[in-house]
Amino acid sequence: MLKTVTFTLMHFCIAFGVTYALTGSIAASGLVAAIEPLCNSVGFYFHEKVWRRIEGRSTTAAARAKHAWLHHQA
């Protein structure tokens, strides 16, 4: 969870800076910086969950393949 929080803070700063550079508006920059990183953080959280699940399947498949190979040797 700490990774998600630090990612959000970093993203907030980047979003504010880019929006301010493009618009020159502190109000627009603050609005974009508040909304966009929060949306990305939620997306990032679910992205991590999906990747953990994919990595878990790969590990399970590799273990099954190794196990099946050992049975064929007997």
PDB file of N, CA and C in Angstrom:
ATOM      1  N   MET A   1       0.825  -1.200   0.000  1.00  0.00           N
ATOM      2  CA  MET A   1       0.000   0.000   0.000  1.00  0.00           C
ATOM      3  C   MET A   1       0.867   1.262   0.000  1.00  0.00           C
ATOM      4  N   LEU A   2       2.022   1.219   0.665  1.00  0.00           N
ATOM      5  CA  LEU A   2       2.924   2.375   0.690  1.00  0.00           C
ATOM      6  C   LEU A   2       3.378   2.728  -0.725  1.00  0.00           C
ATOM      7  N   LYS A   3       3.616   1.715  -1.537  1.00  0.00           N
ATOM      8  CA  LYS A   3       4.016   1.932  -2.930  1.00  0.00           C
ATOM      9  C   LYS A   3       2.942   2.739  -3.664  1.00  0.00           C
ATOM     10  N   THR A   4       1.685   2.415  -3.424  1.00  0.00           N
ATOM     11  CA  THR A   4       0.575   3.122  -4.071  1.00  0.00           C
ATOM     12  C   THR A   4       0.506   4.574  -3.604  1.00  0.00           C
ATOM     13  N   VAL A   5       0.716   4.815  -2.318  1.00  0.00           N
ATOM     14  CA  VAL A   5       0.667   6.178  -1.779  1.00  0.00           C
ATOM     15  C   VAL A   5       1.792   7.039  -2.350  1.00  0.00           C
ATOM     16  N   THR A   6       3.023   6.506  -2.363  1.00  0.00           N
ATOM     17  CA  THR A   6       4.141   7.295  -2.897  1.00  0.00           C
ATOM     18  C   THR A   6       3.983   7.527  -4.394  1.00  0.00           C
ATOM     19  N   PHE A   7       3.437   6.533  -5.093  1.00  0.00           N
ATOM     20  CA  PHE A   7       3.154   6.700  -6.527  1.00  0.00           C
ATOM     21  C   PHE A   7       2.142   7.821  -6.732  1.00  0.00           C
ATOM     22  N   THR A   8       1.124   7.869  -5.886  1.00  0.00           N
ATOM     23  CA  THR A   8       0.094   8.908  -5.991  1.00  0.00           C
ATOM     24  C   THR A   8       0.682  10.294  -5.769  1.00  0.00           C
ATOM     25  N   LEU A   9       1.525  10.436  -4.765  1.00  0.00           N
ATOM     26  CA  LEU A   9       2.146  11.744  -4.492  1.00  0.00           C
ATOM     27  C   LEU A   9       3.039  12.195  -5.650  1.00  0.00           C
ATOM     28  N   MET A  10       3.839  11.273  -6.172  1.00  0.00           N
ATOM     29  CA  MET A  10       4.696  11.606  -7.303  1.00  0.00           C
ATOM     30  C   MET A  10       3.842  12.010  -8.515  1.00  0.00           C
ATOM     31  N   HIS A  11       2.805  11.247  -8.744  1.00  0.00           N
ATOM     32  CA  HIS A  11       1.944  11.511  -9.896  1.00  0.00           C
ATOM     33  C   HIS A  11       1.217  12.849  -9.749  1.00  0.00           C
ATOM     34  N   PHE A  12       0.805  13.181  -8.535  1.00  0.00           N
ATOM     35  CA  PHE A  12       0.162  14.469  -8.273  1.00  0.00           C
ATOM     36  C   PHE A  12       1.079  15.613  -8.700  1.00  0.00           C
ATOM     37  N   CYS A  13       2.331  15.549  -8.281  1.00  0.00           N
ATOM     38  CA  CYS A  13       3.296  16.607  -8.619  1.00  0.00           C
ATOM     39  C   CYS A  13       3.525  16.710 -10.125  1.00  0.00           C
ATOM     40  N   ILE A  14       3.651  15.572 -10.780  1.00  0.00           N
ATOM     41  CA  ILE A  14       3.858  15.581 -12.231  1.00  0.00           C
ATOM     42  C   ILE A  14       2.631  16.134 -12.944  1.00  0.00           C
ATOM     43  N   ALA A  15       1.443  15.678 -12.540  1.00  0.00           N
ATOM     44  CA  ALA A  15       0.212  16.145 -13.188  1.00  0.00           C
ATOM     45  C   ALA A  15       0.041  17.657 -13.013  1.00  0.00           C
ATOM     46  N   PHE A  16       0.331  18.155 -11.815  1.00  0.00           N
ATOM     47  CA  PHE A  16       0.224  19.591 -11.576  1.00  0.00           C
ATOM     48  C   PHE A  16       1.208  20.349 -12.456  1.00  0.00           C
ATOM     49  N   GLY A  17       2.455  19.910 -12.477  1.00  0.00           N
ATOM     50  CA  GLY A  17       3.481  20.604 -13.259  1.00  0.00           C
ATOM     51  C   GLY A  17       3.198  20.627 -14.745  1.00  0.00           C
ATOM     52  N   VAL A  18       2.792  19.489 -15.286  1.00  0.00           N
ATOM     53  CA  VAL A  18       2.500  19.418 -16.732  1.00  0.00           C
ATOM     54  C   VAL A  18       1.295  20.281 -17.078  1.00  0.00           C
ATOM     55  N   THR A  19       0.240  20.173 -16.262  1.00  0.00           N
ATOM     56  CA  THR A  19      -0.963  20.969 -16.549  1.00  0.00           C
ATOM     57  C   THR A  19      -0.680  22.463 -16.422  1.00  0.00           C
ATOM     58  N   TYR A  20       0.099  22.845 -15.420  1.00  0.00           N
ATOM     59  CA  TYR A  20       0.436  24.260 -15.266  1.00  0.00           C
ATOM     60  C   TYR A  20       1.281  24.746 -16.445  1.00  0.00           C
ATOM     61  N   ALA A  21       2.223  23.919 -16.901  1.00  0.00           N
ATOM     62  CA  ALA A  21       3.056  24.295 -18.051  1.00  0.00           C
ATOM     63  C   ALA A  21       2.208  24.475 -19.308  1.00  0.00           C
ATOM     64  N   LEU A  22       1.167  23.675 -19.442  1.00  0.00           N
ATOM     65  CA  LEU A  22       0.318  23.755 -20.635  1.00  0.00           C
ATOM     66  C   LEU A  22      -0.729  24.860 -20.554  1.00  0.00           C
ATOM     67  N   THR A  23      -1.266  25.114 -19.355  1.00  0.00           N
ATOM     68  CA  THR A  23      -2.373  26.065 -19.239  1.00  0.00           C
ATOM     69  C   THR A  23      -2.005  27.366 -18.537  1.00  0.00           C
ATOM     70  N   GLY A  24      -1.011  27.338 -17.659  1.00  0.00           N
ATOM     71  CA  GLY A  24      -0.681  28.509 -16.867  1.00  0.00           C
ATOM     72  C   GLY A  24      -1.703  28.797 -15.784  1.00  0.00           C
ATOM     73  N   SER A  25      -2.628  27.871 -15.577  1.00  0.00           N
ATOM     74  CA  SER A  25      -3.698  28.066 -14.601  1.00  0.00           C
ATOM     75  C   SER A  25      -3.457  27.187 -13.379  1.00  0.00           C
ATOM     76  N   ILE A  26      -3.375  27.844 -12.222  1.00  0.00           N
ATOM     77  CA  ILE A  26      -3.221  27.092 -10.981  1.00  0.00           C
ATOM     78  C   ILE A  26      -4.497  26.316 -10.673  1.00  0.00           C
ATOM     79  N   ALA A  27      -5.656  26.902 -10.955  1.00  0.00           N
ATOM     80  CA  ALA A  27      -6.938  26.231 -10.685  1.00  0.00           C
ATOM     81  C   ALA A  27      -7.068  24.959 -11.523  1.00  0.00           C
ATOM     82  N   ALA A  28      -6.813  25.077 -12.825  1.00  0.00           N
ATOM     83  CA  ALA A  28      -6.908  23.897 -13.693  1.00  0.00           C
ATOM     84  C   ALA A  28      -5.870  22.859 -13.300  1.00  0.00           C
ATOM     85  N   SER A  29      -4.675  23.311 -12.962  1.00  0.00           N
ATOM     86  CA  SER A  29      -3.604  22.391 -12.561  1.00  0.00           C
ATOM     87  C   SER A  29      -3.973  21.640 -11.290  1.00  0.00           C
ATOM     88  N   GLY A  30      -4.531  22.350 -10.331  1.00  0.00           N
ATOM     89  CA  GLY A  30      -4.950  21.712  -9.087  1.00  0.00           C
ATOM     90  C   GLY A  30      -6.059  20.700  -9.306  1.00  0.00           C
ATOM     91  N   LEU A  31      -7.010  21.040 -10.153  1.00  0.00           N
ATOM     92  CA  LEU A  31      -8.118  20.134 -10.441  1.00  0.00           C
ATOM     93  C   LEU A  31      -7.622  18.869 -11.138  1.00  0.00           C
ATOM     94  N   VAL A  32      -6.837  19.043 -12.173  1.00  0.00           N
ATOM     95  CA  VAL A  32      -6.290  17.886 -12.896  1.00  0.00           C
ATOM     96  C   VAL A  32      -5.394  17.069 -11.977  1.00  0.00           C
ATOM     97  N   ALA A  33      -4.561  17.743 -11.206  1.00  0.00           N
ATOM     98  CA  ALA A  33      -3.625  17.044 -10.315  1.00  0.00           C
ATOM     99  C   ALA A  33      -4.358  16.280  -9.217  1.00  0.00           C
ATOM    100  N   ALA A  34      -5.527  16.729  -8.826  1.00  0.00           N
ATOM    101  CA  ALA A  34      -6.289  16.035  -7.788  1.00  0.00           C
ATOM    102  C   ALA A  34      -7.049  14.830  -8.340  1.00  0.00           C
ATOM    103  N   ILE A  35      -7.569  14.959  -9.536  1.00  0.00           N
ATOM    104  CA  ILE A  35      -8.429  13.905 -10.090  1.00  0.00           C
ATOM    105  C   ILE A  35      -7.638  12.841 -10.844  1.00  0.00           C
ATOM    106  N   GLU A  36      -6.766  13.236 -11.723  1.00  0.00           N
ATOM    107  CA  GLU A  36      -6.072  12.286 -12.604  1.00  0.00           C
ATOM    108  C   GLU A  36      -5.202  11.284 -11.850  1.00  0.00           C
ATOM    109  N   PRO A  37      -4.369  11.691 -10.903  1.00  0.00           N
ATOM    110  CA  PRO A  37      -3.566  10.695 -10.174  1.00  0.00           C
ATOM    111  C   PRO A  37      -4.402   9.731  -9.336  1.00  0.00           C
ATOM    112  N   LEU A  38      -5.501  10.216  -8.781  1.00  0.00           N
ATOM    113  CA  LEU A  38      -6.359   9.313  -8.011  1.00  0.00           C
ATOM    114  C   LEU A  38      -6.948   8.228  -8.902  1.00  0.00           C
ATOM    115  N   CYS A  39      -7.373   8.625 -10.095  1.00  0.00           N
ATOM    116  CA  CYS A  39      -7.885   7.629 -11.047  1.00  0.00           C
ATOM    117  C   CYS A  39      -6.786   6.644 -11.435  1.00  0.00           C
ATOM    118  N   ASN A  40      -5.599   7.149 -11.688  1.00  0.00           N
ATOM    119  CA  ASN A  40      -4.474   6.274 -12.040  1.00  0.00           C
ATOM    120  C   ASN A  40      -4.070   5.371 -10.883  1.00  0.00           C
ATOM    121  N   SER A  41      -4.145   5.858  -9.672  1.00  0.00           N
ATOM    122  CA  SER A  41      -3.782   5.047  -8.510  1.00  0.00           C
ATOM    123  C   SER A  41      -4.745   3.875  -8.332  1.00  0.00           C
ATOM    124  N   VAL A  42      -6.015   4.130  -8.548  1.00  0.00           N
ATOM    125  CA  VAL A  42      -6.993   3.038  -8.485  1.00  0.00           C
ATOM    126  C   VAL A  42      -6.681   2.025  -9.594  1.00  0.00           C
ATOM    127  N   GLY A  43      -6.410   2.527 -10.777  1.00  0.00           N
ATOM    128  CA  GLY A  43      -6.038   1.639 -11.886  1.00  0.00           C
ATOM    129  C   GLY A  43      -4.762   0.867 -11.582  1.00  0.00           C
ATOM    130  N   PHE A  44      -3.782   1.534 -10.986  1.00  0.00           N
ATOM    131  CA  PHE A  44      -2.514   0.899 -10.634  1.00  0.00           C
ATOM    132  C   PHE A  44      -2.724  -0.214  -9.615  1.00  0.00           C
ATOM    133  N   TYR A  45      -3.575   0.027  -8.632  1.00  0.00           N
ATOM    134  CA  TYR A  45      -3.863  -0.978  -7.612  1.00  0.00           C
ATOM    135  C   TYR A  45      -4.417  -2.259  -8.250  1.00  0.00           C
ATOM    136  N   PHE A  46      -5.394  -2.093  -9.138  1.00  0.00           N
ATOM    137  CA  PHE A  46      -5.976  -3.267  -9.783  1.00  0.00           C
ATOM    138  C   PHE A  46      -5.007  -3.902 -10.777  1.00  0.00           C
ATOM    139  N   HIS A  47      -4.190  -3.098 -11.418  1.00  0.00           N
ATOM    140  CA  HIS A  47      -3.162  -3.618 -12.323  1.00  0.00           C
ATOM    141  C   HIS A  47      -2.209  -4.537 -11.564  1.00  0.00           C
ATOM    142  N   GLU A  48      -1.782  -4.116 -10.375  1.00  0.00           N
ATOM    143  CA  GLU A  48      -0.902  -4.938  -9.540  1.00  0.00           C
ATOM    144  C   GLU A  48      -1.580  -6.243  -9.132  1.00  0.00           C
ATOM    145  N   LYS A  49      -2.869  -6.180  -8.773  1.00  0.00           N
ATOM    146  CA  LYS A  49      -3.599  -7.387  -8.389  1.00  0.00           C
ATOM    147  C   LYS A  49      -3.681  -8.369  -9.555  1.00  0.00           C
ATOM    148  N   VAL A  50      -3.948  -7.858 -10.751  1.00  0.00           N
ATOM    149  CA  VAL A  50      -4.026  -8.719 -11.930  1.00  0.00           C
ATOM    150  C   VAL A  50      -2.673  -9.364 -12.198  1.00  0.00           C
ATOM    151  N   TRP A  51      -1.595  -8.587 -12.121  1.00  0.00           N
ATOM    152  CA  TRP A  51      -0.260  -9.139 -12.384  1.00  0.00           C
ATOM    153  C   TRP A  51       0.137 -10.183 -11.347  1.00  0.00           C
ATOM    154  N   ARG A  52      -0.238  -9.969 -10.083  1.00  0.00           N
ATOM    155  CA  ARG A  52       0.051 -10.987  -9.056  1.00  0.00           C
ATOM    156  C   ARG A  52      -0.666 -12.285  -9.382  1.00  0.00           C
ATOM    157  N   ARG A  53      -1.886 -12.164  -9.861  1.00  0.00           N
ATOM    158  CA  ARG A  53      -2.662 -13.350 -10.223  1.00  0.00           C
ATOM    159  C   ARG A  53      -2.029 -14.056 -11.426  1.00  0.00           C
ATOM    160  N   ILE A  54      -1.605 -13.264 -12.425  1.00  0.00           N
ATOM    161  CA  ILE A  54      -0.952 -13.846 -13.612  1.00  0.00           C
ATOM    162  C   ILE A  54       0.345 -14.530 -13.209  1.00  0.00           C
ATOM    163  N   GLU A  55       1.144 -13.886 -12.371  1.00  0.00           N
ATOM    164  CA  GLU A  55       2.407 -14.480 -11.919  1.00  0.00           C
ATOM    165  C   GLU A  55       2.156 -15.746 -11.108  1.00  0.00           C
ATOM    166  N   GLY A  56       1.088 -15.766 -10.330  1.00  0.00           N
ATOM    167  CA  GLY A  56       0.734 -16.952  -9.558  1.00  0.00           C
ATOM    168  C   GLY A  56       0.374 -18.115 -10.462  1.00  0.00           C
ATOM    169  N   ARG A  57      -0.329 -17.838 -11.538  1.00  0.00           N
ATOM    170  CA  ARG A  57      -0.697 -18.893 -12.497  1.00  0.00           C
ATOM    171  C   ARG A  57       0.532 -19.441 -13.190  1.00  0.00           C
ATOM    172  N   SER A  58       1.467 -18.564 -13.533  1.00  0.00           N
ATOM    173  CA  SER A  58       2.699 -19.007 -14.192  1.00  0.00           C
ATOM    174  C   SER A  58       3.493 -19.923 -13.281  1.00  0.00           C
ATOM    175  N   THR A  59       3.569 -19.569 -12.007  1.00  0.00           N
ATOM    176  CA  THR A  59       4.300 -20.383 -11.032  1.00  0.00           C
ATOM    177  C   THR A  59       3.609 -21.734 -10.869  1.00  0.00           C
ATOM    178  N   THR A  60       2.296 -21.728 -10.779  1.00  0.00           N
ATOM    179  CA  THR A  60       1.545 -22.972 -10.626  1.00  0.00           C
ATOM    180  C   THR A  60       1.707 -23.849 -11.862  1.00  0.00           C
ATOM    181  N   ALA A  61       1.639 -23.261 -13.030  1.00  0.00           N
ATOM    182  CA  ALA A  61       1.792 -24.026 -14.274  1.00  0.00           C
ATOM    183  C   ALA A  61       3.192 -24.626 -14.365  1.00  0.00           C
ATOM    184  N   ALA A  62       4.205 -23.878 -13.968  1.00  0.00           N
ATOM    185  CA  ALA A  62       5.575 -24.379 -14.003  1.00  0.00           C
ATOM    186  C   ALA A  62       5.738 -25.530 -13.018  1.00  0.00           C
ATOM    187  N   ALA A  63       5.142 -25.419 -11.853  1.00  0.00           N
ATOM    188  CA  ALA A  63       5.221 -26.487 -10.854  1.00  0.00           C
ATOM    189  C   ALA A  63       4.510 -27.735 -11.351  1.00  0.00           C
ATOM    190  N   ARG A  64       3.365 -27.560 -11.999  1.00  0.00           N
ATOM    191  CA  ARG A  64       2.637 -28.700 -12.544  1.00  0.00           C
ATOM    192  C   ARG A  64       3.438 -29.375 -13.634  1.00  0.00           C
ATOM    193  N   ALA A  65       4.040 -28.589 -14.515  1.00  0.00           N
ATOM    194  CA  ALA A  65       4.808 -29.154 -15.616  1.00  0.00           C
ATOM    195  C   ALA A  65       5.996 -29.949 -15.073  1.00  0.00           C
ATOM    196  N   LYS A  66       6.664 -29.419 -14.071  1.00  0.00           N
ATOM    197  CA  LYS A  66       7.796 -30.117 -13.475  1.00  0.00           C
ATOM    198  C   LYS A  66       7.320 -31.400 -12.812  1.00  0.00           C
ATOM    199  N   HIS A  67       6.236 -31.326 -12.094  1.00  0.00           N
ATOM    200  CA  HIS A  67       5.690 -32.480 -11.404  1.00  0.00           C
ATOM    201  C   HIS A  67       5.287 -33.559 -12.418  1.00  0.00           C
ATOM    202  N   ALA A  68       4.608 -33.179 -13.490  1.00  0.00           N
ATOM    203  CA  ALA A  68       4.195 -34.122 -14.524  1.00  0.00           C
ATOM    204  C   ALA A  68       5.414 -34.782 -15.169  1.00  0.00           C
ATOM    205  N   TRP A  69       6.456 -34.027 -15.372  1.00  0.00           N
ATOM    206  CA  TRP A  69       7.668 -34.563 -15.981  1.00  0.00           C
ATOM    207  C   TRP A  69       8.292 -35.631 -15.090  1.00  0.00           C
ATOM    208  N   LEU A  70       8.298 -35.367 -13.779  1.00  0.00           N
ATOM    209  CA  LEU A  70       8.868 -36.329 -12.844  1.00  0.00           C
ATOM    210  C   LEU A  70       8.099 -37.638 -12.835  1.00  0.00           C
ATOM    211  N   HIS A  71       6.786 -37.591 -12.999  1.00  0.00           N
ATOM    212  CA  HIS A  71       5.974 -38.814 -13.033  1.00  0.00           C
ATOM    213  C   HIS A  71       6.258 -39.627 -14.291  1.00  0.00           C
ATOM    214  N   HIS A  72       6.582 -38.975 -15.380  1.00  0.00           N
ATOM    215  CA  HIS A  72       6.864 -39.687 -16.630  1.00  0.00           C
ATOM    216  C   HIS A  72       8.207 -40.381 -16.591  1.00  0.00           C
ATOM    217  N   GLN A  73       9.078 -39.957 -15.717  1.00  0.00           N
ATOM    218  CA  GLN A  73      10.402 -40.568 -15.605  1.00  0.00           C
ATOM    219  C   GLN A  73      10.349 -41.934 -14.931  1.00  0.00           C
ATOM    220  N   ALA A  74       9.341 -42.179 -14.134  1.00  0.00           N
ATOM    221  CA  ALA A  74       9.259 -43.435 -13.373  1.00  0.00           C
ATOM    222  C   ALA A  74       8.916 -44.624 -14.228  1.00  0.00           C
TER     223      ALA A  74
END
